[in-house]
Amino acid sequence: MPAWRHHFAPFELKRVALITATLIIGVAGALAYAHTELPLPWFLGSMIACLIALALRVPIKSSRPLTRLMRIVLGLAIGSSFTPEMIDRAGEMAISLMFVPPYVVFLGILGYPYFRLFPGFDRVTAFLAAVPGGFQTMVAIGEDCKCDLRRLSIVHSTRILVIVVLVPLWIQFSGSIDLSRSIPGTESLSALTLQDVLILVACGIVGDWAGRRAGISGAAIIGPMLANGTLHIFGLVETRLPLELVNAAQLVIGVHIGCQFLGLTLRDIATTVSVAFGYALVLLIGAALFTALVVWVTGINEYAVALAYAPGGQPEMNLIALVLNFDPAYVALHHLLRVMVIVVGAQFIISRFLTTNEREDEKA
């Protein structure tokens, strides 16, 4: 064995053991959560179990490569929900998508002055905290702008946590909705043929590669989704992902969210987390207004619209739509557009206005 491998072997074994133990905690949380009448046990149960472990100071750790793999699985699963009938719905969906840009602007107008009320939020940090883009994307933009990355990370982690918990609970208790129905897909892994497996693997690899080459935010989901979705929308294949893989994606993504709160201090909770929690509630009010407007204009199912306009993370909201079977293709397209508008708009506004103002303030 090479010397460098011998040196790092104990570290790698410890890391793998910690990740494995964390996944076991997530499974235990999912199984316990499944005994309740609440929705999404594999997702919310694993996430809450990790948060409890953090509160008890139990070491936990998520795996970025595994999380990325499960996001590819999620993208493939959403792509499988695309159907030829979507072509007939193009006009209806286009009208709904037209509301996304003004919706993003509306949330930014709500959020920027909100965060500026609190100490520690300079112009750039307040702006990036206000726009509900993808967690990794907003942190990456913030890093380039040299804003308060810790504060920004806590804000977006809290936003995602609050919304992915409250939105499914609202769906559960707002009407006579049966959330115990099966996720659309094959019954088990054994139901997949070799051809099915080859198609899914090819869509996953090619879609992820193409998404990264194109610089798409959330390429691990969007690339495979578009690759598999294209085949489905033209009726070329009808391959569905098995329930076991979708549950595995829920587990890993739920654990990943819980692990985002590693290193949180009481001071963080008393300041940044409480501020972010308040803003998450403000976002939900804004999302509710646009949901009502879009439903009134288009007549699309209110739960699908609510998930499409819920300002949570792109992977998490897509996952909830998939698992609850509320028009996942429709929801995914809206979150894709939301993230695209935010990424392009945020970089333009920061470069043209906010950083210029910061420099002028420093000169003054």
Protein backbone atom coordinates (compact mmCIF):
# COMPACT_ATOMS: atom_id res chain seq x y z
CA MET A 1 0.00 0.00 0.00
CA PRO A 2 1.41 3.47 -0.90
CA ALA A 3 2.53 5.57 2.06
CA TRP A 4 -0.10 8.26 1.48
CA ARG A 5 -2.91 5.69 1.48
CA HIS A 6 -1.64 4.16 4.69
CA HIS A 7 -1.51 7.64 6.27
CA PHE A 8 -5.09 8.56 5.31
CA ALA A 9 -6.73 5.14 5.79
CA PRO A 10 -7.72 5.71 9.46
CA PHE A 11 -9.16 9.15 8.62
CA GLU A 12 -11.21 7.74 5.72
CA LEU A 13 -12.49 4.83 7.79
CA LYS A 14 -13.56 7.21 10.55
CA ARG A 15 -15.32 9.43 8.03
CA VAL A 16 -17.15 6.51 6.39
CA ALA A 17 -18.16 5.17 9.80
CA LEU A 18 -19.53 8.58 10.83
CA ILE A 19 -21.52 8.95 7.59
CA THR A 20 -22.88 5.41 8.00
CA ALA A 21 -23.88 6.09 11.60
CA THR A 22 -25.63 9.29 10.49
CA LEU A 23 -27.61 7.40 7.84
CA ILE A 24 -28.62 4.86 10.50
CA ILE A 25 -29.85 7.75 12.67
CA GLY A 26 -31.82 8.97 9.66
CA VAL A 27 -33.38 5.54 9.08
CA ALA A 28 -34.32 5.28 12.77
CA GLY A 29 -35.94 8.71 12.59
CA ALA A 30 -37.85 7.77 9.43
CA LEU A 31 -39.16 4.53 10.96
CA ALA A 32 -40.25 6.32 14.13
CA TYR A 33 -41.87 9.14 12.13
CA ALA A 34 -43.74 6.58 10.01
CA HIS A 35 -45.80 5.64 13.10
CA THR A 36 -47.34 9.12 13.09
CA GLU A 37 -49.98 10.44 10.69
CA LEU A 38 -47.57 13.07 9.37
CA PRO A 39 -46.36 13.07 5.74
CA LEU A 40 -42.95 12.25 4.22
CA PRO A 41 -41.42 9.97 6.87
CA TRP A 42 -38.24 9.16 4.93
CA PHE A 43 -37.59 12.83 4.25
CA LEU A 44 -38.83 14.73 7.29
CA GLY A 45 -38.21 11.86 9.73
CA SER A 46 -34.53 11.56 8.78
CA MET A 47 -34.07 15.34 8.85
CA ILE A 48 -35.65 15.74 12.29
CA ALA A 49 -33.64 12.79 13.65
CA CYS A 50 -30.41 14.55 12.63
CA LEU A 51 -31.54 17.80 14.24
CA ILE A 52 -32.27 15.92 17.48
CA ALA A 53 -28.84 14.27 17.26
CA LEU A 54 -27.24 17.72 16.92
CA ALA A 55 -29.18 18.98 19.94
CA LEU A 56 -27.88 15.99 21.93
CA ARG A 57 -24.35 16.67 20.60
CA VAL A 58 -24.17 13.35 18.78
CA PRO A 59 -21.58 13.55 15.96
CA ILE A 60 -23.17 13.39 12.50
CA LYS A 61 -21.95 13.96 8.97
CA SER A 62 -23.44 13.90 5.49
CA SER A 63 -21.69 12.77 2.31
CA ARG A 64 -21.52 15.23 -0.58
CA PRO A 65 -20.90 12.53 -3.25
CA LEU A 66 -23.82 10.45 -1.93
CA THR A 67 -26.06 13.52 -1.77
CA ARG A 68 -25.14 14.39 -5.35
CA LEU A 69 -25.92 10.82 -6.45
CA MET A 70 -29.33 10.97 -4.79
CA ARG A 71 -30.03 14.31 -6.47
CA ILE A 72 -29.36 12.59 -9.79
CA VAL A 73 -31.84 9.89 -8.73
CA LEU A 74 -34.35 12.62 -7.87
CA GLY A 75 -33.85 14.26 -11.26
CA LEU A 76 -34.45 10.95 -13.01
CA ALA A 77 -37.59 10.34 -10.94
CA ILE A 78 -39.00 13.77 -11.82
CA GLY A 79 -38.14 13.19 -15.48
CA SER A 80 -40.16 9.98 -15.34
CA SER A 81 -43.23 12.06 -14.44
CA PHE A 82 -43.06 13.95 -17.76
CA THR A 83 -45.78 12.76 -20.15
CA PRO A 84 -46.82 13.46 -23.76
CA GLU A 85 -49.88 15.24 -22.32
CA MET A 86 -47.55 18.02 -21.11
CA ILE A 87 -47.38 19.27 -24.69
CA ASP A 88 -51.13 19.89 -24.57
CA ARG A 89 -50.66 21.78 -21.28
CA ALA A 90 -47.92 24.04 -22.66
CA GLY A 91 -50.16 27.12 -22.79
CA GLU A 92 -51.51 26.62 -19.29
CA MET A 93 -48.02 26.06 -17.86
CA ALA A 94 -46.60 29.03 -19.78
CA ILE A 95 -49.12 31.36 -18.14
CA SER A 96 -48.19 30.01 -14.72
CA LEU A 97 -44.46 30.36 -15.46
CA MET A 98 -44.98 34.02 -16.42
CA PHE A 99 -45.72 34.80 -12.79
CA VAL A 100 -42.32 33.50 -11.58
CA PRO A 101 -40.15 36.57 -12.43
CA PRO A 102 -42.47 39.11 -10.72
CA TYR A 103 -42.80 36.67 -7.82
CA VAL A 104 -39.01 36.63 -7.35
CA VAL A 105 -38.88 40.45 -7.52
CA PHE A 106 -41.72 40.66 -4.99
CA LEU A 107 -39.87 38.42 -2.51
CA GLY A 108 -36.70 40.46 -2.92
CA ILE A 109 -38.63 43.67 -2.23
CA LEU A 110 -40.02 42.10 0.93
CA GLY A 111 -36.75 40.61 2.13
CA TYR A 112 -34.06 43.23 1.53
CA PRO A 113 -35.46 45.94 3.84
CA TYR A 114 -36.38 43.21 6.36
CA PHE A 115 -32.79 42.03 6.76
CA ARG A 116 -31.42 45.58 6.77
CA LEU A 117 -33.35 46.14 10.00
CA PHE A 118 -30.97 43.79 11.83
CA PRO A 119 -27.29 44.33 12.68
CA GLY A 120 -24.72 42.30 10.76
CA PHE A 121 -26.56 42.39 7.43
CA ASP A 122 -24.69 44.68 5.04
CA ARG A 123 -26.25 45.47 1.66
CA VAL A 124 -24.91 42.43 -0.20
CA THR A 125 -25.54 39.96 2.64
CA ALA A 126 -29.08 41.30 3.12
CA PHE A 127 -29.83 41.03 -0.59
CA LEU A 128 -28.48 37.48 -0.95
CA ALA A 129 -30.33 36.45 2.20
CA ALA A 130 -33.58 37.87 0.82
CA VAL A 131 -33.68 36.08 -2.52
CA PRO A 132 -34.67 32.40 -2.14
CA GLY A 133 -32.25 30.75 -4.53
CA GLY A 134 -30.55 27.41 -4.07
CA PHE A 135 -28.48 27.08 -0.90
CA GLN A 136 -25.20 26.20 -2.62
CA THR A 137 -25.76 28.78 -5.36
CA MET A 138 -26.38 31.68 -2.99
CA VAL A 139 -23.37 30.73 -0.85
CA ALA A 140 -21.18 30.53 -3.97
CA ILE A 141 -22.31 33.99 -5.12
CA GLY A 142 -21.81 35.30 -1.58
CA GLU A 143 -18.28 33.91 -1.49
CA ASP A 144 -17.41 35.78 -4.68
CA CYS A 145 -18.84 38.98 -3.15
CA LYS A 146 -17.02 38.48 0.17
CA CYS A 147 -20.22 38.81 2.22
CA ASP A 148 -20.92 37.20 5.61
CA LEU A 149 -20.98 33.56 4.49
CA ARG A 150 -21.81 32.07 7.90
CA ARG A 151 -24.79 34.36 8.36
CA LEU A 152 -25.91 33.73 4.77
CA SER A 153 -25.61 29.94 5.19
CA ILE A 154 -27.66 29.96 8.39
CA VAL A 155 -30.40 32.10 6.80
CA HIS A 156 -30.86 29.81 3.79
CA SER A 157 -30.58 26.61 5.84
CA THR A 158 -33.27 27.90 8.21
CA ARG A 159 -35.48 29.02 5.30
CA ILE A 160 -35.34 25.59 3.69
CA LEU A 161 -35.92 23.79 7.00
CA VAL A 162 -38.97 25.87 7.94
CA ILE A 163 -40.60 25.64 4.52
CA VAL A 164 -40.03 21.92 3.91
CA VAL A 165 -41.61 21.20 7.30
CA LEU A 166 -44.56 23.62 7.19
CA VAL A 167 -45.71 23.19 3.57
CA PRO A 168 -46.31 19.40 3.73
CA LEU A 169 -48.03 19.82 7.10
CA TRP A 170 -50.31 22.46 5.57
CA ILE A 171 -51.18 20.08 2.74
CA GLN A 172 -51.81 17.28 5.25
CA PHE A 173 -54.20 19.24 7.42
CA SER A 174 -55.81 21.69 4.99
CA GLY A 175 -58.25 19.23 3.47
CA SER A 176 -59.18 15.62 2.82
CA ILE A 177 -55.93 14.78 1.02
CA ASP A 178 -54.66 11.21 1.23
CA LEU A 179 -50.90 11.51 1.50
CA SER A 180 -50.44 7.80 2.11
CA ARG A 181 -50.73 6.97 -1.59
CA SER A 182 -47.75 5.35 -3.25
CA ILE A 183 -45.13 7.32 -5.09
CA PRO A 184 -45.63 6.81 -8.82
CA GLY A 185 -43.01 4.28 -9.90
CA THR A 186 -42.31 0.60 -10.23
CA GLU A 187 -43.08 -1.62 -7.29
CA SER A 188 -39.53 -2.68 -6.56
CA LEU A 189 -36.01 -2.81 -7.91
CA SER A 190 -36.67 -6.31 -9.18
CA ALA A 191 -39.29 -4.91 -11.57
CA LEU A 192 -36.64 -3.06 -13.58
CA THR A 193 -35.35 -4.72 -16.73
CA LEU A 194 -31.75 -4.45 -17.91
CA GLN A 195 -32.92 -2.05 -20.62
CA ASP A 196 -34.62 0.13 -17.98
CA VAL A 197 -31.44 0.24 -15.93
CA LEU A 198 -29.28 1.15 -18.93
CA ILE A 199 -31.66 3.96 -19.95
CA LEU A 200 -31.73 5.43 -16.44
CA VAL A 201 -27.94 5.19 -16.01
CA ALA A 202 -27.36 6.80 -19.42
CA CYS A 203 -29.80 9.64 -18.67
CA GLY A 204 -28.18 10.17 -15.27
CA ILE A 205 -24.60 10.28 -16.56
CA VAL A 206 -25.26 12.26 -19.75
CA GLY A 207 -27.71 14.64 -18.06
CA ASP A 208 -25.39 15.39 -15.14
CA TRP A 209 -22.40 15.91 -17.45
CA ALA A 210 -24.34 18.16 -19.82
CA GLY A 211 -25.82 20.15 -16.93
CA ARG A 212 -22.39 20.79 -15.44
CA ARG A 213 -20.90 21.70 -18.82
CA ALA A 214 -23.72 24.18 -19.37
CA GLY A 215 -23.14 25.71 -15.92
CA ILE A 216 -26.72 25.02 -14.81
CA SER A 217 -27.42 25.63 -11.14
CA GLY A 218 -28.55 22.32 -9.62
CA ALA A 219 -27.13 20.39 -12.59
CA ALA A 220 -27.31 17.06 -10.73
CA ILE A 221 -31.11 17.34 -10.71
CA ILE A 222 -31.89 19.44 -13.78
CA GLY A 223 -29.64 17.60 -16.27
CA PRO A 224 -30.95 14.06 -15.58
CA MET A 225 -34.50 15.42 -15.26
CA LEU A 226 -34.38 17.01 -18.73
CA ALA A 227 -32.63 13.98 -20.28
CA ASN A 228 -35.11 11.45 -18.90
CA GLY A 229 -38.04 13.86 -19.25
CA THR A 230 -37.36 14.39 -22.95
CA LEU A 231 -37.58 10.65 -23.59
CA HIS A 232 -40.82 10.46 -21.61
CA ILE A 233 -42.50 13.53 -23.05
CA PHE A 234 -42.09 12.15 -26.58
CA GLY A 235 -43.29 8.72 -25.47
CA LEU A 236 -40.00 6.99 -26.30
CA VAL A 237 -39.75 5.25 -22.90
CA GLU A 238 -42.00 4.66 -19.91
CA THR A 239 -39.35 3.68 -17.36
CA ARG A 240 -40.21 4.62 -13.78
CA LEU A 241 -37.90 4.70 -10.79
CA PRO A 242 -38.51 2.09 -8.10
CA LEU A 243 -39.85 3.12 -4.73
CA GLU A 244 -36.67 1.98 -2.95
CA LEU A 245 -34.52 4.50 -4.83
CA VAL A 246 -36.94 7.36 -4.23
CA ASN A 247 -37.01 6.53 -0.52
CA ALA A 248 -33.20 6.42 -0.49
CA ALA A 249 -33.13 9.88 -2.08
CA GLN A 250 -35.53 11.18 0.57
CA LEU A 251 -33.35 9.73 3.33
CA VAL A 252 -30.06 11.14 2.07
CA ILE A 253 -31.43 14.59 1.24
CA GLY A 254 -33.22 14.76 4.61
CA VAL A 255 -29.98 13.87 6.41
CA HIS A 256 -28.11 16.46 4.34
CA ILE A 257 -30.48 19.24 5.43
CA GLY A 258 -30.14 18.25 9.09
CA CYS A 259 -26.36 18.32 8.83
CA GLN A 260 -26.42 21.91 7.52
CA PHE A 261 -26.86 23.04 11.13
CA LEU A 262 -23.56 21.57 12.34
CA GLY A 263 -21.62 24.03 14.46
CA LEU A 264 -24.62 26.18 15.30
CA THR A 265 -24.19 28.09 18.57
CA LEU A 266 -26.75 29.47 21.01
CA ARG A 267 -25.77 32.95 19.86
CA ASP A 268 -26.52 31.95 16.24
CA ILE A 269 -29.94 30.66 17.30
CA ALA A 270 -30.74 33.80 19.27
CA THR A 271 -29.76 36.11 16.42
CA THR A 272 -29.50 34.82 12.86
CA VAL A 273 -31.77 31.78 13.15
CA SER A 274 -34.59 33.76 14.76
CA VAL A 275 -34.31 36.46 12.09
CA ALA A 276 -34.31 33.82 9.33
CA PHE A 277 -37.29 32.04 10.88
CA GLY A 278 -39.26 35.28 10.81
CA TYR A 279 -38.37 35.84 7.17
CA ALA A 280 -39.37 32.28 6.26
CA LEU A 281 -42.85 33.07 7.57
CA VAL A 282 -42.88 36.29 5.53
CA LEU A 283 -41.90 34.26 2.45
CA LEU A 284 -44.74 31.83 3.05
CA ILE A 285 -47.22 34.72 3.15
CA GLY A 286 -45.85 36.06 -0.14
CA ALA A 287 -45.97 32.59 -1.68
CA ALA A 288 -49.58 32.15 -0.52
CA LEU A 289 -50.59 35.39 -2.26
CA PHE A 290 -49.04 34.33 -5.56
CA THR A 291 -50.45 30.81 -5.22
CA ALA A 292 -53.96 32.21 -4.87
CA LEU A 293 -53.39 34.50 -7.87
CA VAL A 294 -52.01 31.73 -10.12
CA VAL A 295 -54.78 29.30 -9.14
CA TRP A 296 -57.38 31.99 -9.89
CA VAL A 297 -55.88 32.73 -13.31
CA THR A 298 -55.03 29.18 -14.46
CA GLY A 299 -57.26 26.84 -12.45
CA ILE A 300 -54.31 24.50 -11.79
CA ASN A 301 -54.49 22.33 -8.67
CA GLU A 302 -53.79 24.56 -5.65
CA TYR A 303 -51.42 22.08 -4.01
CA ALA A 304 -49.30 21.77 -7.14
CA VAL A 305 -49.16 25.57 -7.45
CA ALA A 306 -48.31 25.92 -3.75
CA LEU A 307 -45.38 23.53 -4.14
CA ALA A 308 -44.28 25.28 -7.35
CA TYR A 309 -44.21 28.67 -5.62
CA ALA A 310 -43.02 27.54 -2.17
CA PRO A 311 -39.64 29.29 -1.71
CA GLY A 312 -37.80 26.26 -0.35
CA GLY A 313 -34.77 24.58 -1.85
CA GLN A 314 -35.11 23.30 -5.41
CA PRO A 315 -34.24 19.65 -4.54
CA GLU A 316 -36.47 19.60 -1.48
CA MET A 317 -39.59 21.08 -3.08
CA ASN A 318 -39.19 18.86 -6.14
CA LEU A 319 -38.85 15.86 -3.86
CA ILE A 320 -42.01 16.75 -1.92
CA ALA A 321 -43.98 17.18 -5.17
CA LEU A 322 -42.72 13.82 -6.42
CA VAL A 323 -43.44 11.90 -3.22
CA LEU A 324 -46.89 13.46 -2.72
CA ASN A 325 -47.61 13.09 -6.46
CA PHE A 326 -48.64 16.70 -7.06
CA ASP A 327 -47.67 17.31 -10.70
CA PRO A 328 -43.88 17.01 -10.14
CA ALA A 329 -42.98 18.04 -13.69
CA TYR A 330 -44.97 21.28 -13.34
CA VAL A 331 -43.38 22.00 -9.96
CA ALA A 332 -39.86 21.25 -11.19
CA LEU A 333 -40.13 23.62 -14.17
CA HIS A 334 -41.19 26.47 -11.89
CA HIS A 335 -38.31 25.95 -9.48
CA LEU A 336 -35.89 25.71 -12.39
CA LEU A 337 -37.08 29.08 -13.69
CA ARG A 338 -37.03 30.60 -10.19
CA VAL A 339 -33.40 29.62 -9.65
CA MET A 340 -32.39 30.81 -13.14
CA VAL A 341 -34.03 34.21 -12.59
CA ILE A 342 -32.37 34.57 -9.19
CA VAL A 343 -28.88 33.53 -10.33
CA VAL A 344 -28.85 35.89 -13.31
CA GLY A 345 -30.66 38.72 -11.52
CA ALA A 346 -28.62 38.51 -8.31
CA GLN A 347 -25.29 38.70 -10.10
CA PHE A 348 -26.47 41.63 -12.23
CA ILE A 349 -27.85 43.63 -9.27
CA ILE A 350 -24.80 43.00 -7.09
CA SER A 351 -22.32 43.96 -9.78
CA ARG A 352 -24.21 47.04 -10.97
CA PHE A 353 -25.64 48.46 -7.76
CA LEU A 354 -24.82 46.91 -4.40
CA THR A 355 -21.05 46.54 -4.60
CA THR A 356 -20.80 50.01 -6.17
CA ASN A 357 -22.72 51.47 -3.23
CA GLU A 358 -20.49 49.61 -0.75
CA ARG A 359 -17.38 51.11 -2.35
CA GLU A 360 -18.91 54.60 -2.24
CA ASP A 361 -19.73 54.14 1.46
CA GLU A 362 -16.13 53.08 2.17
CA LYS A 363 -14.78 56.20 0.40
CA ALA A 364 -17.16 58.42 2.37
